[in-house]
Amino acid sequence: MLSHKKPDVWLDDDGIICVRFPRNTKITLELISYIYHQHKAISNQHHPVLFYVDGVVHYDVAAADFATHNEVVSITSALALLGSGFLSTHLGNMLIWYHKPPFPVKMFTDETKARHWLADYC
């Protein structure tokens, strides 16, 4: 059963906006719009973003396309996708290969490496 819970969104002390998805999340346009508005409410500044994607089981094309909109680009310097399972890695790579957001995006299985990479975009 898909989760209807909203993800947790917060700004860490290191300047990274973090988004943790509940288990069995389908990322829809509505959900990604919610994340965008949470990011804007926390900080209207340009920040790197860390998505914890192990809970994600699907994403809509419209949600992926939203990442290319000027509003998102104006507040996102880079995106790290952190996941260890086959499905999360596969979905993350599909986003990177097929939707190609206009900011750097990289898939990670290690949080320390993801944060180190994002530090270059703070």
PDB file of N, CA and C in Angstrom:
ATOM      1  N   MET A   1       0.833  -1.175   0.000  1.00  0.00           N
ATOM      2  CA  MET A   1       0.000   0.000   0.000  1.00  0.00           C
ATOM      3  C   MET A   1       0.885   1.248   0.000  1.00  0.00           C
ATOM      4  N   LEU A   2       0.557   2.212  -0.853  1.00  0.00           N
ATOM      5  CA  LEU A   2       1.333   3.438  -0.953  1.00  0.00           C
ATOM      6  C   LEU A   2       1.096   4.334   0.261  1.00  0.00           C
ATOM      7  N   SER A   3       2.151   5.023   0.661  1.00  0.00           N
ATOM      8  CA  SER A   3       2.058   5.948   1.784  1.00  0.00           C
ATOM      9  C   SER A   3       1.479   7.280   1.310  1.00  0.00           C
ATOM     10  N   HIS A   4       0.647   7.870   2.134  1.00  0.00           N
ATOM     11  CA  HIS A   4       0.107   9.194   1.846  1.00  0.00           C
ATOM     12  C   HIS A   4       0.700  10.232   2.792  1.00  0.00           C
ATOM     13  N   LYS A   5       1.721   9.830   3.537  1.00  0.00           N
ATOM     14  CA  LYS A   5       2.390  10.750   4.452  1.00  0.00           C
ATOM     15  C   LYS A   5       3.328  11.660   3.661  1.00  0.00           C
ATOM     16  N   LYS A   6       3.489  12.862   4.148  1.00  0.00           N
ATOM     17  CA  LYS A   6       4.422  13.814   3.550  1.00  0.00           C
ATOM     18  C   LYS A   6       5.830  13.506   4.040  1.00  0.00           C
ATOM     19  N   PRO A   7       6.830  13.783   3.221  1.00  0.00           N
ATOM     20  CA  PRO A   7       8.208  13.570   3.666  1.00  0.00           C
ATOM     21  C   PRO A   7       8.620  14.626   4.686  1.00  0.00           C
ATOM     22  N   ASP A   8       9.627  14.302   5.484  1.00  0.00           N
ATOM     23  CA  ASP A   8      10.228  15.281   6.383  1.00  0.00           C
ATOM     24  C   ASP A   8      11.202  16.125   5.568  1.00  0.00           C
ATOM     25  N   VAL A   9      11.150  17.436   5.746  1.00  0.00           N
ATOM     26  CA  VAL A   9      12.033  18.358   5.030  1.00  0.00           C
ATOM     27  C   VAL A   9      12.660  19.288   6.063  1.00  0.00           C
ATOM     28  N   TRP A  10      13.997  19.383   6.070  1.00  0.00           N
ATOM     29  CA  TRP A  10      14.676  20.235   7.031  1.00  0.00           C
ATOM     30  C   TRP A  10      15.996  20.740   6.457  1.00  0.00           C
ATOM     31  N   LEU A  11      16.516  21.806   7.083  1.00  0.00           N
ATOM     32  CA  LEU A  11      17.815  22.372   6.729  1.00  0.00           C
ATOM     33  C   LEU A  11      18.815  21.959   7.798  1.00  0.00           C
ATOM     34  N   ASP A  12      19.845  21.222   7.397  1.00  0.00           N
ATOM     35  CA  ASP A  12      20.893  20.814   8.335  1.00  0.00           C
ATOM     36  C   ASP A  12      21.856  21.969   8.584  1.00  0.00           C
ATOM     37  N   ASP A  13      22.632  21.840   9.642  1.00  0.00           N
ATOM     38  CA  ASP A  13      23.608  22.869   9.996  1.00  0.00           C
ATOM     39  C   ASP A  13      24.657  23.089   8.911  1.00  0.00           C
ATOM     40  N   ASP A  14      24.872  22.093   8.076  1.00  0.00           N
ATOM     41  CA  ASP A  14      25.875  22.210   7.012  1.00  0.00           C
ATOM     42  C   ASP A  14      25.327  22.881   5.750  1.00  0.00           C
ATOM     43  N   GLY A  15      24.085  23.384   5.802  1.00  0.00           N
ATOM     44  CA  GLY A  15      23.519  24.104   4.664  1.00  0.00           C
ATOM     45  C   GLY A  15      22.836  23.228   3.632  1.00  0.00           C
ATOM     46  N   ILE A  16      22.617  21.960   3.947  1.00  0.00           N
ATOM     47  CA  ILE A  16      21.972  21.023   3.030  1.00  0.00           C
ATOM     48  C   ILE A  16      20.504  20.866   3.409  1.00  0.00           C
ATOM     49  N   ILE A  17      19.628  21.038   2.425  1.00  0.00           N
ATOM     50  CA  ILE A  17      18.207  20.746   2.619  1.00  0.00           C
ATOM     51  C   ILE A  17      18.048  19.228   2.508  1.00  0.00           C
ATOM     52  N   CYS A  18      17.462  18.604   3.518  1.00  0.00           N
ATOM     53  CA  CYS A  18      17.294  17.156   3.539  1.00  0.00           C
ATOM     54  C   CYS A  18      15.820  16.797   3.404  1.00  0.00           C
ATOM     55  N   VAL A  19      15.561  15.730   2.653  1.00  0.00           N
ATOM     56  CA  VAL A  19      14.193  15.251   2.444  1.00  0.00           C
ATOM     57  C   VAL A  19      14.187  13.744   2.659  1.00  0.00           C
ATOM     58  N   ARG A  20      13.451  13.304   3.676  1.00  0.00           N
ATOM     59  CA  ARG A  20      13.344  11.870   3.965  1.00  0.00           C
ATOM     60  C   ARG A  20      11.926  11.407   3.650  1.00  0.00           C
ATOM     61  N   PHE A  21      11.834  10.470   2.703  1.00  0.00           N
ATOM     62  CA  PHE A  21      10.542   9.956   2.262  1.00  0.00           C
ATOM     63  C   PHE A  21      10.105   8.781   3.128  1.00  0.00           C
ATOM     64  N   PRO A  22       8.810   8.716   3.466  1.00  0.00           N
ATOM     65  CA  PRO A  22       8.291   7.537   4.169  1.00  0.00           C
ATOM     66  C   PRO A  22       8.382   6.298   3.269  1.00  0.00           C
ATOM     67  N   ARG A  23       8.269   5.140   3.868  1.00  0.00           N
ATOM     68  CA  ARG A  23       8.263   3.891   3.098  1.00  0.00           C
ATOM     69  C   ARG A  23       7.071   3.887   2.144  1.00  0.00           C
ATOM     70  N   ASN A  24       7.269   3.271   0.989  1.00  0.00           N
ATOM     71  CA  ASN A  24       6.225   3.088  -0.023  1.00  0.00           C
ATOM     72  C   ASN A  24       5.668   4.411  -0.565  1.00  0.00           C
ATOM     73  N   THR A  25       6.565   5.348  -0.825  1.00  0.00           N
ATOM     74  CA  THR A  25       6.164   6.650  -1.348  1.00  0.00           C
ATOM     75  C   THR A  25       6.181   6.659  -2.866  1.00  0.00           C
ATOM     76  N   LYS A  26       5.132   7.215  -3.435  1.00  0.00           N
ATOM     77  CA  LYS A  26       5.071   7.512  -4.858  1.00  0.00           C
ATOM     78  C   LYS A  26       5.245   9.023  -4.976  1.00  0.00           C
ATOM     79  N   ILE A  27       6.304   9.455  -5.666  1.00  0.00           N
ATOM     80  CA  ILE A  27       6.537  10.883  -5.817  1.00  0.00           C
ATOM     81  C   ILE A  27       5.678  11.390  -6.973  1.00  0.00           C
ATOM     82  N   THR A  28       4.712  12.195  -6.610  1.00  0.00           N
ATOM     83  CA  THR A  28       3.794  12.791  -7.581  1.00  0.00           C
ATOM     84  C   THR A  28       4.148  14.270  -7.745  1.00  0.00           C
ATOM     85  N   LEU A  29       3.521  14.902  -8.714  1.00  0.00           N
ATOM     86  CA  LEU A  29       3.705  16.334  -8.891  1.00  0.00           C
ATOM     87  C   LEU A  29       3.267  17.081  -7.630  1.00  0.00           C
ATOM     88  N   GLU A  30       2.175  16.651  -7.036  1.00  0.00           N
ATOM     89  CA  GLU A  30       1.687  17.275  -5.803  1.00  0.00           C
ATOM     90  C   GLU A  30       2.723  17.155  -4.677  1.00  0.00           C
ATOM     91  N   LEU A  31       3.336  15.995  -4.547  1.00  0.00           N
ATOM     92  CA  LEU A  31       4.314  15.778  -3.486  1.00  0.00           C
ATOM     93  C   LEU A  31       5.591  16.576  -3.728  1.00  0.00           C
ATOM     94  N   ILE A  32       6.074  16.597  -4.953  1.00  0.00           N
ATOM     95  CA  ILE A  32       7.299  17.338  -5.244  1.00  0.00           C
ATOM     96  C   ILE A  32       7.052  18.838  -5.108  1.00  0.00           C
ATOM     97  N   SER A  33       5.837  19.279  -5.406  1.00  0.00           N
ATOM     98  CA  SER A  33       5.470  20.675  -5.209  1.00  0.00           C
ATOM     99  C   SER A  33       5.465  21.011  -3.709  1.00  0.00           C
ATOM    100  N   TYR A  34       4.968  20.084  -2.893  1.00  0.00           N
ATOM    101  CA  TYR A  34       4.999  20.255  -1.440  1.00  0.00           C
ATOM    102  C   TYR A  34       6.448  20.429  -0.955  1.00  0.00           C
ATOM    103  N   ILE A  35       7.351  19.581  -1.441  1.00  0.00           N
ATOM    104  CA  ILE A  35       8.762  19.657  -1.047  1.00  0.00           C
ATOM    105  C   ILE A  35       9.348  21.005  -1.459  1.00  0.00           C
ATOM    106  N   TYR A  36       9.038  21.447  -2.669  1.00  0.00           N
ATOM    107  CA  TYR A  36       9.507  22.742  -3.158  1.00  0.00           C
ATOM    108  C   TYR A  36       9.035  23.864  -2.223  1.00  0.00           C
ATOM    109  N   HIS A  37       7.765  23.851  -1.843  1.00  0.00           N
ATOM    110  CA  HIS A  37       7.232  24.899  -0.972  1.00  0.00           C
ATOM    111  C   HIS A  37       7.831  24.822   0.434  1.00  0.00           C
ATOM    112  N   GLN A  38       8.104  23.614   0.921  1.00  0.00           N
ATOM    113  CA  GLN A  38       8.773  23.462   2.219  1.00  0.00           C
ATOM    114  C   GLN A  38      10.183  24.053   2.153  1.00  0.00           C
ATOM    115  N   HIS A  39      10.900  23.757   1.081  1.00  0.00           N
ATOM    116  CA  HIS A  39      12.244  24.293   0.872  1.00  0.00           C
ATOM    117  C   HIS A  39      12.192  25.820   0.896  1.00  0.00           C
ATOM    118  N   LYS A  40      11.255  26.397   0.148  1.00  0.00           N
ATOM    119  CA  LYS A  40      11.111  27.855   0.096  1.00  0.00           C
ATOM    120  C   LYS A  40      10.764  28.433   1.468  1.00  0.00           C
ATOM    121  N   ALA A  41       9.940  27.732   2.240  1.00  0.00           N
ATOM    122  CA  ALA A  41       9.563  28.213   3.576  1.00  0.00           C
ATOM    123  C   ALA A  41      10.754  28.186   4.531  1.00  0.00           C
ATOM    124  N   ILE A  42      11.628  27.194   4.374  1.00  0.00           N
ATOM    125  CA  ILE A  42      12.818  27.071   5.222  1.00  0.00           C
ATOM    126  C   ILE A  42      13.853  28.110   4.825  1.00  0.00           C
ATOM    127  N   SER A  43      14.085  28.222   3.519  1.00  0.00           N
ATOM    128  CA  SER A  43      15.088  29.147   3.002  1.00  0.00           C
ATOM    129  C   SER A  43      14.816  29.408   1.533  1.00  0.00           C
ATOM    130  N   ASN A  44      14.823  30.657   1.183  1.00  0.00           N
ATOM    131  CA  ASN A  44      14.630  31.052  -0.210  1.00  0.00           C
ATOM    132  C   ASN A  44      15.974  31.120  -0.938  1.00  0.00           C
ATOM    133  N   GLN A  45      17.017  30.640  -0.284  1.00  0.00           N
ATOM    134  CA  GLN A  45      18.365  30.668  -0.834  1.00  0.00           C
ATOM    135  C   GLN A  45      18.648  29.409  -1.661  1.00  0.00           C
ATOM    136  N   HIS A  46      19.696  29.491  -2.441  1.00  0.00           N
ATOM    137  CA  HIS A  46      20.206  28.393  -3.264  1.00  0.00           C
ATOM    138  C   HIS A  46      20.902  27.389  -2.338  1.00  0.00           C
ATOM    139  N   HIS A  47      20.421  26.152  -2.263  1.00  0.00           N
ATOM    140  CA  HIS A  47      21.000  25.129  -1.390  1.00  0.00           C
ATOM    141  C   HIS A  47      21.152  23.809  -2.142  1.00  0.00           C
ATOM    142  N   PRO A  48      22.137  23.000  -1.734  1.00  0.00           N
ATOM    143  CA  PRO A  48      22.151  21.617  -2.198  1.00  0.00           C
ATOM    144  C   PRO A  48      21.065  20.837  -1.450  1.00  0.00           C
ATOM    145  N   VAL A  49      20.590  19.767  -2.081  1.00  0.00           N
ATOM    146  CA  VAL A  49      19.483  18.985  -1.524  1.00  0.00           C
ATOM    147  C   VAL A  49      19.890  17.514  -1.461  1.00  0.00           C
ATOM    148  N   LEU A  50      19.543  16.870  -0.361  1.00  0.00           N
ATOM    149  CA  LEU A  50      19.788  15.439  -0.165  1.00  0.00           C
ATOM    150  C   LEU A  50      18.441  14.741  -0.022  1.00  0.00           C
ATOM    151  N   PHE A  51      18.125  13.869  -0.991  1.00  0.00           N
ATOM    152  CA  PHE A  51      16.913  13.057  -0.938  1.00  0.00           C
ATOM    153  C   PHE A  51      17.285  11.673  -0.417  1.00  0.00           C
ATOM    154  N   TYR A  52      16.650  11.268   0.690  1.00  0.00           N
ATOM    155  CA  TYR A  52      16.767   9.894   1.187  1.00  0.00           C
ATOM    156  C   TYR A  52      15.675   9.099   0.471  1.00  0.00           C
ATOM    157  N   VAL A  53      16.053   8.310  -0.520  1.00  0.00           N
ATOM    158  CA  VAL A  53      15.070   7.721  -1.433  1.00  0.00           C
ATOM    159  C   VAL A  53      14.762   6.246  -1.202  1.00  0.00           C
ATOM    160  N   ASP A  54      15.242   5.663  -0.129  1.00  0.00           N
ATOM    161  CA  ASP A  54      14.962   4.239   0.086  1.00  0.00           C
ATOM    162  C   ASP A  54      13.476   3.939   0.227  1.00  0.00           C
ATOM    163  N   GLY A  55      12.665   4.910   0.634  1.00  0.00           N
ATOM    164  CA  GLY A  55      11.230   4.689   0.757  1.00  0.00           C
ATOM    165  C   GLY A  55      10.444   4.876  -0.526  1.00  0.00           C
ATOM    166  N   VAL A  56      11.106   5.358  -1.575  1.00  0.00           N
ATOM    167  CA  VAL A  56      10.411   5.667  -2.829  1.00  0.00           C
ATOM    168  C   VAL A  56      10.227   4.399  -3.664  1.00  0.00           C
ATOM    169  N   VAL A  57       8.997   4.185  -4.142  1.00  0.00           N
ATOM    170  CA  VAL A  57       8.706   3.019  -4.982  1.00  0.00           C
ATOM    171  C   VAL A  57       8.306   3.408  -6.403  1.00  0.00           C
ATOM    172  N   HIS A  58       8.063   4.695  -6.632  1.00  0.00           N
ATOM    173  CA  HIS A  58       7.655   5.159  -7.966  1.00  0.00           C
ATOM    174  C   HIS A  58       7.722   6.680  -8.000  1.00  0.00           C
ATOM    175  N   TYR A  59       7.962   7.225  -9.179  1.00  0.00           N
ATOM    176  CA  TYR A  59       7.799   8.662  -9.358  1.00  0.00           C
ATOM    177  C   TYR A  59       7.124   8.922 -10.690  1.00  0.00           C
ATOM    178  N   ASP A  60       6.289   9.958 -10.705  1.00  0.00           N
ATOM    179  CA  ASP A  60       5.603  10.353 -11.932  1.00  0.00           C
ATOM    180  C   ASP A  60       6.549  11.154 -12.816  1.00  0.00           C
ATOM    181  N   VAL A  61       6.363  11.046 -14.112  1.00  0.00           N
ATOM    182  CA  VAL A  61       7.156  11.827 -15.057  1.00  0.00           C
ATOM    183  C   VAL A  61       6.962  13.320 -14.792  1.00  0.00           C
ATOM    184  N   ALA A  62       5.733  13.740 -14.486  1.00  0.00           N
ATOM    185  CA  ALA A  62       5.462  15.159 -14.214  1.00  0.00           C
ATOM    186  C   ALA A  62       6.266  15.650 -13.006  1.00  0.00           C
ATOM    187  N   ALA A  63       6.442  14.798 -12.016  1.00  0.00           N
ATOM    188  CA  ALA A  63       7.236  15.163 -10.842  1.00  0.00           C
ATOM    189  C   ALA A  63       8.704  15.331 -11.228  1.00  0.00           C
ATOM    190  N   ALA A  64       9.220  14.435 -12.045  1.00  0.00           N
ATOM    191  CA  ALA A  64      10.609  14.532 -12.500  1.00  0.00           C
ATOM    192  C   ALA A  64      10.800  15.773 -13.375  1.00  0.00           C
ATOM    193  N   ASP A  65       9.842  16.060 -14.221  1.00  0.00           N
ATOM    194  CA  ASP A  65       9.932  17.228 -15.097  1.00  0.00           C
ATOM    195  C   ASP A  65       9.901  18.532 -14.312  1.00  0.00           C
ATOM    196  N   PHE A  66       9.237  18.514 -13.156  1.00  0.00           N
ATOM    197  CA  PHE A  66       9.154  19.708 -12.318  1.00  0.00           C
ATOM    198  C   PHE A  66      10.544  20.206 -11.922  1.00  0.00           C
ATOM    199  N   ALA A  67      11.505  19.297 -11.823  1.00  0.00           N
ATOM    200  CA  ALA A  67      12.877  19.653 -11.438  1.00  0.00           C
ATOM    201  C   ALA A  67      13.538  20.577 -12.453  1.00  0.00           C
ATOM    202  N   THR A  68      13.027  20.640 -13.654  1.00  0.00           N
ATOM    203  CA  THR A  68      13.626  21.494 -14.677  1.00  0.00           C
ATOM    204  C   THR A  68      13.024  22.895 -14.695  1.00  0.00           C
ATOM    205  N   HIS A  69      12.011  23.145 -13.893  1.00  0.00           N
ATOM    206  CA  HIS A  69      11.361  24.455 -13.861  1.00  0.00           C
ATOM    207  C   HIS A  69      12.268  25.488 -13.201  1.00  0.00           C
ATOM    208  N   ASN A  70      12.192  26.705 -13.673  1.00  0.00           N
ATOM    209  CA  ASN A  70      13.037  27.789 -13.156  1.00  0.00           C
ATOM    210  C   ASN A  70      12.897  27.975 -11.650  1.00  0.00           C
ATOM    211  N   GLU A  71      11.686  27.765 -11.106  1.00  0.00           N
ATOM    212  CA  GLU A  71      11.484  27.952  -9.674  1.00  0.00           C
ATOM    213  C   GLU A  71      12.362  27.000  -8.870  1.00  0.00           C
ATOM    214  N   VAL A  72      12.451  25.764  -9.309  1.00  0.00           N
ATOM    215  CA  VAL A  72      13.245  24.758  -8.604  1.00  0.00           C
ATOM    216  C   VAL A  72      14.734  25.027  -8.809  1.00  0.00           C
ATOM    217  N   VAL A  73      15.111  25.335 -10.031  1.00  0.00           N
ATOM    218  CA  VAL A  73      16.513  25.604 -10.353  1.00  0.00           C
ATOM    219  C   VAL A  73      17.029  26.801  -9.542  1.00  0.00           C
ATOM    220  N   SER A  74      16.162  27.775  -9.289  1.00  0.00           N
ATOM    221  CA  SER A  74      16.590  28.986  -8.577  1.00  0.00           C
ATOM    222  C   SER A  74      16.957  28.726  -7.112  1.00  0.00           C
ATOM    223  N   ILE A  75      16.519  27.613  -6.534  1.00  0.00           N
ATOM    224  CA  ILE A  75      16.830  27.327  -5.119  1.00  0.00           C
ATOM    225  C   ILE A  75      17.605  26.024  -4.926  1.00  0.00           C
ATOM    226  N   THR A  76      17.960  25.329  -6.006  1.00  0.00           N
ATOM    227  CA  THR A  76      18.646  24.035  -5.915  1.00  0.00           C
ATOM    228  C   THR A  76      19.992  24.107  -6.614  1.00  0.00           C
ATOM    229  N   SER A  77      21.069  23.977  -5.842  1.00  0.00           N
ATOM    230  CA  SER A  77      22.406  24.021  -6.451  1.00  0.00           C
ATOM    231  C   SER A  77      22.871  22.638  -6.900  1.00  0.00           C
ATOM    232  N   ALA A  78      22.392  21.585  -6.239  1.00  0.00           N
ATOM    233  CA  ALA A  78      22.748  20.201  -6.591  1.00  0.00           C
ATOM    234  C   ALA A  78      21.794  19.272  -5.843  1.00  0.00           C
ATOM    235  N   LEU A  79      21.680  18.054  -6.339  1.00  0.00           N
ATOM    236  CA  LEU A  79      20.807  17.056  -5.714  1.00  0.00           C
ATOM    237  C   LEU A  79      21.552  15.738  -5.583  1.00  0.00           C
ATOM    238  N   ALA A  80      21.643  15.244  -4.357  1.00  0.00           N
ATOM    239  CA  ALA A  80      22.186  13.907  -4.107  1.00  0.00           C
ATOM    240  C   ALA A  80      21.028  12.994  -3.746  1.00  0.00           C
ATOM    241  N   LEU A  81      20.991  11.831  -4.367  1.00  0.00           N
ATOM    242  CA  LEU A  81      19.978  10.814  -4.100  1.00  0.00           C
ATOM    243  C   LEU A  81      20.664   9.713  -3.308  1.00  0.00           C
ATOM    244  N   LEU A  82      20.183   9.457  -2.107  1.00  0.00           N
ATOM    245  CA  LEU A  82      20.806   8.469  -1.238  1.00  0.00           C
ATOM    246  C   LEU A  82      19.878   7.278  -1.075  1.00  0.00           C
ATOM    247  N   GLY A  83      20.327   6.129  -1.556  1.00  0.00           N
ATOM    248  CA  GLY A  83      19.533   4.915  -1.453  1.00  0.00           C
ATOM    249  C   GLY A  83      20.413   3.701  -1.593  1.00  0.00           C
ATOM    250  N   SER A  84      19.979   2.604  -0.988  1.00  0.00           N
ATOM    251  CA  SER A  84      20.808   1.400  -1.029  1.00  0.00           C
ATOM    252  C   SER A  84      20.133   0.225  -1.718  1.00  0.00           C
ATOM    253  N   GLY A  85      18.836   0.285  -1.888  1.00  0.00           N
ATOM    254  CA  GLY A  85      18.130  -0.831  -2.499  1.00  0.00           C
ATOM    255  C   GLY A  85      18.139  -0.767  -4.018  1.00  0.00           C
ATOM    256  N   PHE A  86      17.822  -1.901  -4.640  1.00  0.00           N
ATOM    257  CA  PHE A  86      17.789  -1.962  -6.097  1.00  0.00           C
ATOM    258  C   PHE A  86      16.793  -0.966  -6.677  1.00  0.00           C
ATOM    259  N   LEU A  87      15.590  -0.931  -6.112  1.00  0.00           N
ATOM    260  CA  LEU A  87      14.550  -0.064  -6.662  1.00  0.00           C
ATOM    261  C   LEU A  87      14.920   1.402  -6.537  1.00  0.00           C
ATOM    262  N   SER A  88      15.411   1.826  -5.373  1.00  0.00           N
ATOM    263  CA  SER A  88      15.770   3.234  -5.202  1.00  0.00           C
ATOM    264  C   SER A  88      16.922   3.619  -6.122  1.00  0.00           C
ATOM    265  N   THR A  89      17.897   2.739  -6.275  1.00  0.00           N
ATOM    266  CA  THR A  89      19.010   3.010  -7.185  1.00  0.00           C
ATOM    267  C   THR A  89      18.531   3.087  -8.631  1.00  0.00           C
ATOM    268  N   HIS A  90      17.671   2.178  -9.013  1.00  0.00           N
ATOM    269  CA  HIS A  90      17.130   2.167 -10.376  1.00  0.00           C
ATOM    270  C   HIS A  90      16.331   3.445 -10.663  1.00  0.00           C
ATOM    271  N   LEU A  91      15.448   3.825  -9.750  1.00  0.00           N
ATOM    272  CA  LEU A  91      14.649   5.043  -9.947  1.00  0.00           C
ATOM    273  C   LEU A  91      15.536   6.283  -9.974  1.00  0.00           C
ATOM    274  N   GLY A  92      16.531   6.325  -9.102  1.00  0.00           N
ATOM    275  CA  GLY A  92      17.461   7.451  -9.095  1.00  0.00           C
ATOM    276  C   GLY A  92      18.222   7.571 -10.401  1.00  0.00           C
ATOM    277  N   ASN A  93      18.703   6.462 -10.900  1.00  0.00           N
ATOM    278  CA  ASN A  93      19.430   6.485 -12.168  1.00  0.00           C
ATOM    279  C   ASN A  93      18.526   6.858 -13.338  1.00  0.00           C
ATOM    280  N   MET A  94      17.271   6.449 -13.299  1.00  0.00           N
ATOM    281  CA  MET A  94      16.329   6.856 -14.350  1.00  0.00           C
ATOM    282  C   MET A  94      16.150   8.375 -14.347  1.00  0.00           C
ATOM    283  N   LEU A  95      16.035   8.963 -13.164  1.00  0.00           N
ATOM    284  CA  LEU A  95      15.910  10.415 -13.070  1.00  0.00           C
ATOM    285  C   LEU A  95      17.136  11.090 -13.681  1.00  0.00           C
ATOM    286  N   ILE A  96      18.301  10.610 -13.329  1.00  0.00           N
ATOM    287  CA  ILE A  96      19.547  11.205 -13.815  1.00  0.00           C
ATOM    288  C   ILE A  96      19.678  11.043 -15.328  1.00  0.00           C
ATOM    289  N   TRP A  97      19.442   9.844 -15.851  1.00  0.00           N
ATOM    290  CA  TRP A  97      19.673   9.562 -17.263  1.00  0.00           C
ATOM    291  C   TRP A  97      18.604  10.122 -18.188  1.00  0.00           C
ATOM    292  N   TYR A  98      17.335  10.034 -17.782  1.00  0.00           N
ATOM    293  CA  TYR A  98      16.254  10.381 -18.695  1.00  0.00           C
ATOM    294  C   TYR A  98      15.699  11.789 -18.523  1.00  0.00           C
ATOM    295  N   HIS A  99      15.726  12.310 -17.307  1.00  0.00           N
ATOM    296  CA  HIS A  99      15.092  13.609 -17.074  1.00  0.00           C
ATOM    297  C   HIS A  99      16.097  14.744 -16.980  1.00  0.00           C
ATOM    298  N   LYS A 100      17.337  14.433 -16.670  1.00  0.00           N
ATOM    299  CA  LYS A 100      18.458  15.363 -16.694  1.00  0.00           C
ATOM    300  C   LYS A 100      18.134  16.750 -16.151  1.00  0.00           C
ATOM    301  N   PRO A 101      17.944  16.874 -14.853  1.00  0.00           N
ATOM    302  CA  PRO A 101      17.741  18.209 -14.281  1.00  0.00           C
ATOM    303  C   PRO A 101      18.934  19.117 -14.629  1.00  0.00           C
ATOM    304  N   PRO A 102      18.716  20.429 -14.699  1.00  0.00           N
ATOM    305  CA  PRO A 102      19.773  21.351 -15.121  1.00  0.00           C
ATOM    306  C   PRO A 102      20.785  21.707 -14.030  1.00  0.00           C
ATOM    307  N   PHE A 103      20.791  20.962 -12.935  1.00  0.00           N
ATOM    308  CA  PHE A 103      21.788  21.127 -11.878  1.00  0.00           C
ATOM    309  C   PHE A 103      22.424  19.758 -11.661  1.00  0.00           C
ATOM    310  N   PRO A 104      23.601  19.711 -11.049  1.00  0.00           N
ATOM    311  CA  PRO A 104      24.261  18.414 -10.830  1.00  0.00           C
ATOM    312  C   PRO A 104      23.399  17.478  -9.978  1.00  0.00           C
ATOM    313  N   VAL A 105      23.300  16.216 -10.411  1.00  0.00           N
ATOM    314  CA  VAL A 105      22.565  15.180  -9.687  1.00  0.00           C
ATOM    315  C   VAL A 105      23.427  13.926  -9.674  1.00  0.00           C
ATOM    316  N   LYS A 106      23.498  13.285  -8.514  1.00  0.00           N
ATOM    317  CA  LYS A 106      24.312  12.076  -8.403  1.00  0.00           C
ATOM    318  C   LYS A 106      23.660  11.115  -7.421  1.00  0.00           C
ATOM    319  N   MET A 107      23.761   9.837  -7.714  1.00  0.00           N
ATOM    320  CA  MET A 107      23.229   8.765  -6.870  1.00  0.00           C
ATOM    321  C   MET A 107      24.331   8.274  -5.934  1.00  0.00           C
ATOM    322  N   PHE A 108      23.972   8.064  -4.664  1.00  0.00           N
ATOM    323  CA  PHE A 108      24.924   7.581  -3.657  1.00  0.00           C
ATOM    324  C   PHE A 108      24.305   6.450  -2.846  1.00  0.00           C
ATOM    325  N   THR A 109      25.168   5.585  -2.320  1.00  0.00           N
ATOM    326  CA  THR A 109      24.757   4.569  -1.355  1.00  0.00           C
ATOM    327  C   THR A 109      25.368   4.861   0.016  1.00  0.00           C
ATOM    328  N   ASP A 110      26.231   5.873   0.100  1.00  0.00           N
ATOM    329  CA  ASP A 110      26.920   6.234   1.338  1.00  0.00           C
ATOM    330  C   ASP A 110      26.629   7.698   1.662  1.00  0.00           C
ATOM    331  N   GLU A 111      26.038   7.953   2.836  1.00  0.00           N
ATOM    332  CA  GLU A 111      25.639   9.313   3.197  1.00  0.00           C
ATOM    333  C   GLU A 111      26.834  10.247   3.351  1.00  0.00           C
ATOM    334  N   THR A 112      27.930   9.770   3.927  1.00  0.00           N
ATOM    335  CA  THR A 112      29.113  10.615   4.097  1.00  0.00           C
ATOM    336  C   THR A 112      29.630  11.098   2.750  1.00  0.00           C
ATOM    337  N   LYS A 113      29.675  10.208   1.775  1.00  0.00           N
ATOM    338  CA  LYS A 113      30.136  10.591   0.436  1.00  0.00           C
ATOM    339  C   LYS A 113      29.158  11.569  -0.222  1.00  0.00           C
ATOM    340  N   ALA A 114      27.873  11.352  -0.018  1.00  0.00           N
ATOM    341  CA  ALA A 114      26.866  12.253  -0.589  1.00  0.00           C
ATOM    342  C   ALA A 114      27.023  13.656  -0.008  1.00  0.00           C
ATOM    343  N   ARG A 115      27.171  13.734   1.297  1.00  0.00           N
ATOM    344  CA  ARG A 115      27.315  15.038   1.951  1.00  0.00           C
ATOM    345  C   ARG A 115      28.615  15.723   1.544  1.00  0.00           C
ATOM    346  N   HIS A 116      29.670  14.951   1.397  1.00  0.00           N
ATOM    347  CA  HIS A 116      30.953  15.518   0.965  1.00  0.00           C
ATOM    348  C   HIS A 116      30.814  16.112  -0.443  1.00  0.00           C
ATOM    349  N   TRP A 117      30.155  15.379  -1.332  1.00  0.00           N
ATOM    350  CA  TRP A 117      29.932  15.883  -2.689  1.00  0.00           C
ATOM    351  C   TRP A 117      29.068  17.146  -2.663  1.00  0.00           C
ATOM    352  N   LEU A 118      27.998  17.142  -1.874  1.00  0.00           N
ATOM    353  CA  LEU A 118      27.101  18.307  -1.793  1.00  0.00           C
ATOM    354  C   LEU A 118      27.786  19.527  -1.194  1.00  0.00           C
ATOM    355  N   ALA A 119      28.797  19.315  -0.336  1.00  0.00           N
ATOM    356  CA  ALA A 119      29.489  20.439   0.301  1.00  0.00           C
ATOM    357  C   ALA A 119      30.095  21.378  -0.739  1.00  0.00           C
ATOM    358  N   ASP A 120      30.459  20.862  -1.882  1.00  0.00           N
ATOM    359  CA  ASP A 120      31.004  21.701  -2.956  1.00  0.00           C
ATOM    360  C   ASP A 120      29.975  22.658  -3.535  1.00  0.00           C
ATOM    361  N   TYR A 121      28.689  22.428  -3.252  1.00  0.00           N
ATOM    362  CA  TYR A 121      27.608  23.235  -3.823  1.00  0.00           C
ATOM    363  C   TYR A 121      26.912  24.116  -2.781  1.00  0.00           C
ATOM    364  N   CYS A 122      27.508  24.184  -1.566  1.00  0.00           N
ATOM    365  CA  CYS A 122      26.917  25.045  -0.519  1.00  0.00           C
ATOM    366  C   CYS A 122      27.251  26.513  -0.775  1.00  0.00           C
TER     367      CYS A 122
END
